Amino acid sequence: APDLDSSQAMAAWRLEQYSGDAYKDLEPLVLPVEGLGVPAIQNGFDVGFGIELLVGGKLLTLSLFDTLDPARTLAEKALARLE
């Protein structure tokens, strides 16, 4: 994963990846997720979304969720195990 220092930077990075022809008919949802202590984003399409975390130079993806609350809870538990 790239070296990103904020959730905003991570969201911009992911949106740039969706700018190609392969995604032209899709409308991705990419939003920064603050308060987890690491760069994180909400990332998804119409069918649901995942939460992506940048931890120690690696990308951790948890998916598919309907709302942010269970995704955030699972992300917090995963981060606690990685510390």
Protein backbone atom coordinates (compact mmCIF):
# COMPACT_ATOMS: atom_id res chain seq x y z
CA ALA A 1 0.00 0.00 0.00
CA PRO A 2 1.20 3.55 -0.56
CA ASP A 3 2.51 5.65 2.32
CA LEU A 4 -0.52 7.78 3.23
CA ASP A 5 -0.76 9.89 6.37
CA SER A 6 -4.50 10.60 6.59
CA SER A 7 -7.92 9.23 5.80
CA GLN A 8 -8.44 12.14 3.38
CA ALA A 9 -5.30 11.20 1.44
CA MET A 10 -6.37 7.56 1.38
CA ALA A 11 -9.81 8.50 0.00
CA ALA A 12 -8.18 10.58 -2.76
CA TRP A 13 -5.84 7.69 -3.62
CA ARG A 14 -8.72 5.19 -3.86
CA LEU A 15 -10.87 7.58 -5.96
CA GLU A 16 -7.98 7.99 -8.38
CA GLN A 17 -7.96 4.22 -8.87
CA TYR A 18 -11.66 4.35 -9.81
CA SER A 19 -11.09 6.93 -12.55
CA GLY A 20 -10.31 4.33 -15.26
CA ASP A 21 -12.58 2.87 -17.92
CA ALA A 22 -13.26 -0.27 -15.90
CA TYR A 23 -15.29 1.79 -13.42
CA LYS A 24 -16.90 4.33 -15.77
CA ASP A 25 -20.45 2.94 -15.33
CA LEU A 26 -20.20 2.59 -11.55
CA GLU A 27 -20.58 5.23 -8.90
CA PRO A 28 -18.17 4.33 -6.10
CA LEU A 29 -18.72 5.62 -2.60
CA VAL A 30 -15.40 6.57 -1.01
CA LEU A 31 -15.43 8.49 2.26
CA PRO A 32 -12.74 9.08 4.88
CA VAL A 33 -13.34 7.37 8.24
CA GLU A 34 -11.82 9.27 11.14
CA GLY A 35 -11.16 8.24 14.71
CA LEU A 36 -9.57 4.81 14.24
CA GLY A 37 -5.98 5.96 14.72
CA VAL A 38 -4.94 4.89 11.21
CA PRO A 39 -5.89 6.12 7.73
CA ALA A 40 -9.24 4.51 6.89
CA ILE A 41 -11.97 4.82 4.29
CA GLN A 42 -15.48 3.62 3.64
CA ASN A 43 -15.38 2.14 0.15
CA GLY A 44 -18.16 0.59 -1.87
CA PHE A 45 -20.83 0.46 -4.53
CA ASP A 46 -24.60 -0.13 -4.65
CA VAL A 47 -24.40 -3.64 -3.19
CA GLY A 48 -22.72 -2.61 0.06
CA PHE A 49 -19.37 -1.35 1.19
CA GLY A 50 -16.24 -2.23 3.02
CA ILE A 51 -13.95 -0.35 5.32
CA GLU A 52 -10.28 -0.22 4.39
CA LEU A 53 -7.51 0.51 6.89
CA LEU A 54 -3.86 1.26 6.27
CA VAL A 55 -1.93 -0.54 9.01
CA GLY A 56 1.85 -0.82 9.03
CA GLY A 57 2.14 -0.34 5.29
CA LYS A 58 -0.48 -3.00 4.55
CA LEU A 59 -4.07 -2.58 3.44
CA LEU A 60 -6.68 -4.35 5.59
CA THR A 61 -10.14 -4.62 4.00
CA LEU A 62 -13.29 -5.64 5.86
CA SER A 63 -16.46 -6.03 3.74
CA LEU A 64 -19.60 -6.20 3.00
CA PHE A 65 -21.65 -4.03 5.32
CA ASP A 66 -24.93 -2.14 5.08
CA THR A 67 -24.00 0.55 7.61
CA LEU A 68 -20.82 2.01 9.06
CA ASP A 69 -21.40 1.07 12.74
CA PRO A 70 -20.72 -2.71 12.46
CA ALA A 71 -17.80 -2.05 10.11
CA ARG A 72 -16.26 0.41 12.59
CA THR A 73 -16.74 -2.05 15.48
CA LEU A 74 -15.04 -4.86 13.56
CA ALA A 75 -12.22 -2.50 12.47
CA GLU A 76 -11.58 -1.48 16.09
CA LYS A 77 -11.38 -5.15 17.13
CA ALA A 78 -9.01 -5.97 14.27
CA LEU A 79 -6.77 -3.01 15.10
CA ALA A 80 -6.61 -4.04 18.76
CA ARG A 81 -5.36 -7.48 17.73
CA LEU A 82 -2.73 -6.00 15.44
CA GLU A 83 -1.21 -3.73 18.10
